[in-house]
Protein backbone atom coordinates (compact mmCIF):
# COMPACT_ATOMS: atom_id res chain seq x y z
CA MET A 1 -6.92 -36.90 -21.84
CA LYS A 2 -9.86 -35.00 -20.32
CA GLU A 3 -8.51 -35.75 -16.85
CA LEU A 4 -5.19 -34.20 -17.88
CA ILE A 5 -6.96 -31.10 -19.23
CA LYS A 6 -8.99 -30.73 -16.02
CA ALA A 7 -5.90 -30.99 -13.85
CA LEU A 8 -4.04 -28.41 -15.92
CA VAL A 9 -6.75 -25.76 -16.22
CA GLU A 10 -7.64 -25.87 -12.53
CA THR A 11 -4.02 -25.44 -11.45
CA TYR A 12 -2.87 -22.01 -10.23
CA GLY A 13 -0.42 -20.35 -12.61
CA PRO A 14 -0.68 -16.66 -13.54
CA ALA A 15 2.17 -15.16 -15.56
CA GLY A 16 5.38 -15.21 -13.56
CA HIS A 17 4.01 -17.79 -11.11
CA GLU A 18 3.98 -21.04 -13.14
CA GLU A 19 5.63 -23.32 -10.55
CA GLN A 20 2.57 -25.48 -9.82
CA VAL A 21 1.89 -26.03 -13.52
CA ARG A 22 5.52 -26.93 -14.11
CA ALA A 23 5.43 -29.49 -11.30
CA LEU A 24 2.25 -31.08 -12.67
CA ILE A 25 3.65 -31.40 -16.19
CA THR A 26 6.96 -32.77 -14.91
CA GLU A 27 5.13 -35.53 -13.07
CA ARG A 28 3.14 -36.46 -16.20
CA VAL A 29 6.10 -36.61 -18.61
CA LYS A 30 8.98 -37.92 -16.49
CA ASP A 31 8.61 -41.53 -17.67
CA TYR A 32 8.58 -40.54 -21.35
CA ALA A 33 11.47 -38.06 -21.47
CA ASP A 34 15.20 -38.54 -21.95
CA GLU A 35 16.07 -35.26 -20.28
CA ILE A 36 14.13 -32.72 -18.19
CA ARG A 37 15.44 -29.35 -17.07
CA THR A 38 14.23 -25.88 -16.14
CA ASP A 39 15.89 -22.84 -17.68
CA ALA A 40 16.81 -19.59 -15.96
CA LEU A 41 13.41 -17.96 -16.55
CA GLY A 42 11.45 -21.02 -15.38
CA SER A 43 10.42 -22.67 -18.63
CA LEU A 44 10.33 -26.48 -18.54
CA ILE A 45 12.37 -28.17 -21.27
CA VAL A 46 11.56 -31.83 -21.93
CA LEU A 47 13.73 -33.65 -24.49
CA LYS A 48 12.72 -36.80 -26.32
CA LYS A 49 15.77 -37.93 -28.27
CA GLY A 50 15.40 -39.19 -31.81
CA THR A 51 16.79 -42.29 -33.46
CA GLY A 52 18.99 -40.16 -35.70
CA GLY A 53 18.96 -38.35 -39.01
CA GLY A 54 16.19 -35.92 -38.12
CA LYS A 55 15.89 -32.28 -37.11
CA ARG A 56 16.03 -30.51 -33.77
CA ILE A 57 12.40 -29.46 -33.24
CA MET A 58 11.13 -27.10 -30.56
CA ILE A 59 7.51 -27.42 -29.44
CA ALA A 60 6.38 -24.42 -27.37
CA ALA A 61 3.25 -24.21 -25.21
CA HIS A 62 2.99 -21.53 -22.56
CA MET A 63 2.09 -22.51 -19.01
CA ASP A 64 0.98 -19.10 -17.75
CA GLU A 65 -2.56 -17.74 -17.64
CA ILE A 66 -3.99 -14.24 -17.38
CA GLY A 67 -4.42 -12.85 -13.88
CA VAL A 68 -4.04 -9.88 -11.54
CA VAL A 69 -1.32 -8.69 -9.16
CA VAL A 70 -1.74 -6.66 -5.96
CA ALA A 71 -0.49 -3.09 -6.42
CA PHE A 72 -2.00 -1.26 -3.43
CA VAL A 73 -4.10 -1.93 -0.32
CA ASP A 74 -6.15 1.03 0.92
CA LYS A 75 -6.98 1.93 4.53
CA LYS A 76 -10.19 -0.14 4.44
CA GLY A 77 -8.44 -3.24 3.12
CA PHE A 78 -9.63 -2.99 -0.49
CA VAL A 79 -7.08 -4.00 -3.12
CA ARG A 80 -6.11 -2.19 -6.31
CA PHE A 81 -4.38 -4.40 -8.83
CA GLY A 82 -2.32 -4.57 -11.98
CA ARG A 83 -3.10 -6.91 -14.85
CA LEU A 84 -1.09 -9.94 -15.98
CA GLY A 85 -2.04 -10.20 -19.64
CA GLY A 86 -4.97 -8.87 -21.60
CA LEU A 87 -8.14 -8.40 -19.55
CA SER A 88 -11.35 -6.46 -20.20
CA PRO A 89 -13.28 -4.63 -17.46
CA LEU A 90 -16.51 -5.98 -18.96
CA THR A 91 -15.60 -9.64 -18.43
CA VAL A 92 -14.10 -9.52 -14.93
CA LEU A 93 -16.73 -7.70 -12.82
CA GLY A 94 -18.21 -9.95 -10.16
CA ARG A 95 -15.73 -12.75 -10.84
CA ARG A 96 -13.67 -14.49 -8.20
CA VAL A 97 -9.89 -14.76 -8.19
CA ARG A 98 -7.66 -17.05 -6.16
CA PHE A 99 -4.19 -16.34 -4.78
CA ALA A 100 -1.42 -18.88 -4.23
CA ASN A 101 -2.16 -18.95 -0.49
CA GLY A 102 -5.81 -19.86 -1.14
CA THR A 103 -7.27 -16.39 -0.53
CA VAL A 104 -10.30 -15.69 -2.72
CA GLY A 105 -11.26 -12.18 -3.79
CA VAL A 106 -14.15 -10.64 -5.73
CA ILE A 107 -13.57 -8.09 -8.48
CA ALA A 108 -15.99 -5.17 -8.06
CA TRP A 109 -16.78 -1.71 -9.48
CA GLU A 110 -17.01 1.48 -7.47
CA LYS A 111 -20.22 2.53 -9.25
CA GLY A 112 -22.35 -0.44 -8.19
CA ARG A 113 -24.05 -3.46 -9.71
CA TYR A 114 -25.49 -2.19 -12.99
CA PRO A 115 -22.98 -0.67 -15.40
CA THR A 116 -24.36 2.20 -17.46
CA SER A 117 -20.98 3.02 -18.98
CA MET A 118 -17.69 1.28 -19.67
CA PRO A 119 -15.89 0.78 -16.34
CA THR A 120 -12.32 2.01 -16.19
CA TRP A 121 -9.55 0.08 -14.49
CA GLU A 122 -9.10 2.96 -12.05
CA GLU A 123 -12.68 2.32 -10.83
CA ILE A 124 -12.25 -1.42 -10.31
CA TYR A 125 -11.01 -3.01 -7.11
CA LEU A 126 -10.64 -6.38 -5.40
CA ASP A 127 -12.42 -7.32 -2.17
CA VAL A 128 -10.63 -10.03 -0.19
CA GLY A 129 -12.69 -9.55 2.97
CA ALA A 130 -10.14 -7.39 4.75
CA THR A 131 -10.99 -4.29 6.81
CA SER A 132 -7.51 -2.74 6.93
CA PRO A 133 -4.04 -3.23 5.43
CA GLU A 134 -3.01 -5.01 8.62
CA ASP A 135 -5.55 -7.83 8.30
CA CYS A 136 -5.32 -8.12 4.50
CA PRO A 137 -4.30 -11.73 3.67
CA VAL A 138 -2.39 -10.69 0.53
CA GLY A 139 0.32 -8.12 -0.10
CA ILE A 140 2.03 -6.11 -2.79
CA GLY A 141 3.19 -8.35 -5.62
CA ASP A 142 0.94 -11.31 -4.81
CA ALA A 143 -0.71 -12.66 -7.95
CA ALA A 144 -4.10 -14.30 -8.52
CA CYS A 145 -5.82 -16.21 -11.31
CA PHE A 146 -9.54 -16.63 -11.91
CA ASP A 147 -11.26 -19.15 -9.67
CA ASP A 148 -13.41 -21.06 -12.16
CA LYS A 149 -13.75 -24.84 -12.38
CA PHE A 150 -13.58 -27.19 -15.36
CA VAL A 151 -16.95 -28.18 -16.87
CA GLU A 152 -17.56 -30.90 -19.46
CA GLN A 153 -20.78 -30.35 -21.40
CA GLY A 154 -21.06 -32.86 -24.23
CA ASP A 155 -18.15 -32.23 -26.59
CA ARG A 156 -17.65 -28.72 -25.17
CA LEU A 157 -15.14 -28.12 -22.39
CA ILE A 158 -15.38 -24.88 -20.40
CA SER A 159 -12.89 -23.44 -17.93
CA LYS A 160 -10.48 -20.68 -17.07
CA ALA A 161 -6.96 -21.02 -18.49
CA MET A 162 -7.79 -22.94 -21.65
CA ASP A 163 -5.33 -20.32 -22.90
CA ASN A 164 -2.97 -21.99 -22.80
CA ARG A 165 -3.18 -25.12 -20.68
CA MET A 166 -4.84 -26.55 -23.77
CA GLY A 167 -1.56 -26.19 -25.65
CA CYS A 168 0.24 -27.78 -22.69
CA ALA A 169 -2.19 -30.71 -22.71
CA VAL A 170 -1.69 -31.20 -26.46
CA GLY A 171 2.07 -31.19 -26.01
CA VAL A 172 2.01 -33.67 -23.13
CA GLN A 173 -0.39 -36.02 -24.92
CA ALA A 174 1.61 -35.91 -28.16
CA LEU A 175 4.75 -36.85 -26.22
CA LEU A 176 2.91 -39.81 -24.72
CA GLU A 177 1.56 -40.99 -28.09
CA MET A 178 4.25 -40.18 -30.68
CA GLY A 179 6.51 -43.21 -30.21
CA GLU A 180 9.89 -43.28 -31.95
CA SER A 181 11.05 -40.38 -34.10
CA PRO A 182 14.15 -39.52 -36.11
CA ASN A 183 13.95 -36.02 -34.62
CA ASP A 184 15.26 -34.67 -31.34
CA VAL A 185 12.08 -33.07 -30.00
CA TYR A 186 12.25 -30.41 -27.29
CA PHE A 187 8.86 -29.94 -25.65
CA VAL A 188 9.20 -26.51 -24.05
CA PHE A 189 6.51 -25.40 -21.63
CA THR A 190 7.17 -21.68 -21.50
CA VAL A 191 6.61 -18.94 -18.93
CA GLN A 192 5.35 -15.37 -19.22
CA GLU A 193 3.85 -15.55 -22.71
CA GLU A 194 0.91 -13.41 -21.67
CA VAL A 195 3.19 -10.51 -20.82
CA GLY A 196 5.39 -10.58 -23.91
CA LEU A 197 6.58 -14.04 -25.09
CA ARG A 198 9.40 -13.80 -22.57
CA GLY A 199 9.94 -17.45 -21.76
CA ALA A 200 9.90 -18.63 -25.36
CA THR A 201 12.37 -15.92 -26.36
CA ALA A 202 14.94 -17.20 -23.89
CA SER A 203 14.21 -20.90 -24.46
CA ALA A 204 14.47 -20.69 -28.24
CA PHE A 205 17.86 -18.99 -27.91
CA GLY A 206 19.05 -21.84 -25.70
CA VAL A 207 17.54 -24.79 -27.58
CA GLU A 208 18.68 -23.54 -31.03
CA PRO A 209 15.91 -25.37 -32.91
CA GLU A 210 16.00 -26.07 -36.64
CA VAL A 211 12.19 -26.07 -36.75
CA GLY A 212 9.65 -24.58 -34.34
CA ILE A 213 6.01 -25.35 -33.63
CA ALA A 214 3.96 -23.35 -31.13
CA LEU A 215 0.81 -24.76 -29.54
CA ASP A 216 -1.83 -22.26 -28.48
CA VAL A 217 -5.49 -21.32 -28.78
CA THR A 218 -7.11 -19.03 -31.33
CA LEU A 219 -10.34 -17.09 -31.67
CA THR A 220 -13.40 -18.24 -33.60
CA GLY A 221 -15.82 -16.54 -35.96
CA ASP A 222 -18.86 -18.71 -35.25
CA THR A 223 -20.70 -16.75 -32.55
CA PRO A 224 -23.51 -14.19 -33.12
CA GLU A 225 -22.20 -10.97 -34.68
CA ALA A 226 -18.64 -12.26 -34.45
CA SER A 227 -15.92 -10.64 -36.51
CA PRO A 228 -15.54 -12.65 -39.74
CA MET A 229 -13.00 -15.45 -39.27
CA CYS A 230 -12.76 -18.84 -40.94
CA VAL A 231 -12.33 -20.78 -37.70
CA SER A 232 -15.17 -22.55 -35.88
CA LEU A 233 -15.57 -24.87 -32.93
CA GLY A 234 -15.82 -28.51 -33.96
CA LYS A 235 -14.16 -28.22 -37.37
CA GLY A 236 -10.68 -29.36 -36.44
CA THR A 237 -7.28 -28.04 -35.51
CA ALA A 238 -6.34 -24.57 -36.76
CA ILE A 239 -3.15 -24.29 -38.80
CA LYS A 240 -1.81 -20.76 -38.55
CA VAL A 241 -1.20 -18.72 -41.68
CA MET A 242 -0.51 -15.49 -39.80
CA ASP A 243 -1.36 -13.37 -36.80
CA SER A 244 -0.37 -9.86 -35.76
CA SER A 245 3.07 -11.02 -34.62
CA VAL A 246 4.09 -13.57 -37.25
CA ILE A 247 3.62 -14.92 -40.75
CA ALA A 248 4.03 -18.67 -40.47
CA HIS A 249 6.83 -20.21 -42.52
CA PRO A 250 5.17 -21.50 -45.72
CA GLY A 251 7.07 -24.77 -45.58
CA VAL A 252 5.98 -25.45 -42.00
CA LYS A 253 2.38 -24.51 -42.76
CA ASN A 254 2.28 -26.75 -45.84
CA TRP A 255 3.90 -29.62 -43.91
CA MET A 256 1.11 -29.34 -41.34
CA VAL A 257 -1.60 -29.27 -44.01
CA LYS A 258 -0.19 -32.30 -45.85
CA THR A 259 0.13 -34.22 -42.60
CA ALA A 260 -3.46 -33.48 -41.55
CA GLU A 261 -4.74 -34.54 -44.97
CA ARG A 262 -2.66 -37.72 -44.97
CA ILE A 263 -4.07 -38.94 -41.64
CA GLY A 264 -7.59 -37.63 -42.29
CA ALA A 265 -7.57 -35.14 -39.41
CA PRO A 266 -9.95 -32.18 -39.75
CA TYR A 267 -8.20 -28.82 -40.02
CA GLN A 268 -8.85 -25.14 -40.65
CA LEU A 269 -6.55 -22.37 -41.83
CA GLU A 270 -6.17 -19.56 -39.30
CA ILE A 271 -5.60 -15.87 -39.84
CA LEU A 272 -5.75 -14.03 -36.53
CA THR A 273 -5.89 -10.28 -37.06
CA ALA A 274 -5.09 -9.37 -33.44
CA GLY A 275 -2.96 -11.41 -31.08
CA GLY A 276 0.22 -13.45 -31.14
CA THR A 277 1.89 -16.61 -29.84
CA ASP A 278 5.28 -18.07 -29.01
CA THR A 279 5.66 -18.72 -32.74
CA ALA A 280 7.05 -15.20 -33.17
CA ALA A 281 9.66 -15.66 -30.45
CA ILE A 282 10.90 -18.90 -32.02
CA GLN A 283 10.92 -17.49 -35.55
CA ARG A 284 13.09 -14.52 -34.58
CA SER A 285 15.58 -16.43 -32.46
CA ARG A 286 19.27 -16.15 -33.38
CA ALA A 287 19.51 -16.11 -37.21
CA GLY A 288 15.85 -17.13 -37.66
CA VAL A 289 13.94 -20.41 -37.43
CA PRO A 290 11.23 -21.84 -39.74
CA ALA A 291 8.22 -21.85 -37.42
CA GLY A 292 4.47 -22.42 -37.44
CA CYS A 293 1.62 -22.97 -35.03
CA LEU A 294 -1.19 -25.42 -34.33
CA SER A 295 -4.09 -23.75 -32.54
CA VAL A 296 -7.13 -25.07 -30.69
CA PRO A 297 -10.21 -22.99 -31.65
CA THR A 298 -11.52 -21.33 -28.50
CA ARG A 299 -14.49 -19.12 -27.73
CA TYR A 300 -14.34 -16.32 -25.14
CA VAL A 301 -10.53 -16.17 -25.00
CA HIS A 302 -9.13 -14.09 -22.11
CA THR A 303 -12.28 -14.45 -20.06
CA PRO A 304 -12.82 -16.66 -16.99
CA SER A 305 -14.91 -19.11 -19.08
CA GLU A 306 -13.12 -20.18 -22.23
CA MET A 307 -14.73 -22.91 -24.37
CA VAL A 308 -13.19 -25.55 -26.66
CA HIS A 309 -14.46 -28.59 -28.56
CA TYR A 310 -12.85 -31.88 -27.58
CA GLY A 311 -12.78 -33.08 -31.19
CA ASP A 312 -10.57 -30.11 -32.11
CA VAL A 313 -8.24 -30.96 -29.24
CA ARG A 314 -7.89 -34.55 -30.40
CA ALA A 315 -7.29 -33.45 -33.99
CA THR A 316 -4.49 -31.17 -32.80
CA VAL A 317 -2.85 -34.00 -30.86
CA ASP A 318 -3.13 -36.37 -33.82
CA VAL A 319 -1.56 -33.92 -36.26
CA LEU A 320 1.26 -32.96 -33.89
CA ALA A 321 2.14 -36.56 -33.02
CA GLU A 322 2.25 -37.50 -36.70
CA LEU A 323 4.41 -34.48 -37.53
CA LEU A 324 6.91 -35.46 -34.84
CA ARG A 325 7.19 -39.16 -35.62
CA LYS A 326 8.09 -38.52 -39.29
CA PRO A 327 10.99 -36.69 -40.98
CA VAL A 328 10.46 -32.96 -41.37
CA GLU A 329 9.18 -31.98 -44.84
CA LEU A 330 9.80 -28.30 -45.59
């Protein structure tokens, strides 16, 4: 599974530009799916039909990652950019980004190397090596993601785009491992989550699930001076209780807890005070859907170097696969 994770996190795919990720996932799941299609917004919908008597379950994992988009090129060839998702000026200075055409740029600050105050976005620019607008290798609307490689360090995996290629990897692996199920399971790899849950909103309306499960990452409270949070690296999958966009359906949450306990998978209960996932989009679709979320604990979320524990990843796969191969218990 580590090879799958590496391939996913190193693939280019900022919000609105998920084509390469979609192609990679399609190649990995095509021999295990009964139907594969792409909806109007670009989300990939992979159906594994059940044996009968079960529910219609939607699994949602977003393909997009945070990034930047060219907004203006000045007379010296320096680029001003907009943001695709939540970024902080403090974590992007000096980092490299990569465009779809292979161009690499460096994010820099007008005031020099040593910040003595909080940089503002108006003071930050992108250097792609151009000297004028005419020789700039990128143009208005071109998007870039961070250019950081996958690193395996013991049980810790470090890379850009763990949010949320990790959820994609969990979904793909669960499909490969789950075997037969009474449920019709729609694995939906969504677009544009980082800019407003857009793909999941459309996909949930189309799939009309009876139960929804989002797969995403969550913050941890185990680093120095971290905000108090009962989620740590290495202590298992995180079963969402609530975040700032959703209160998980109690029946779905309890079903996840009982399943983890039955198979002996380590788990933690997650309350995320700031942030949201595709869970909210599923829950609010049509007349409402019972929905919950399995999260992979992740340090340094929305930075170019996000960190997960492989044991937590495996626990998330194990719980999801067991949920899907059994009748729904709400």
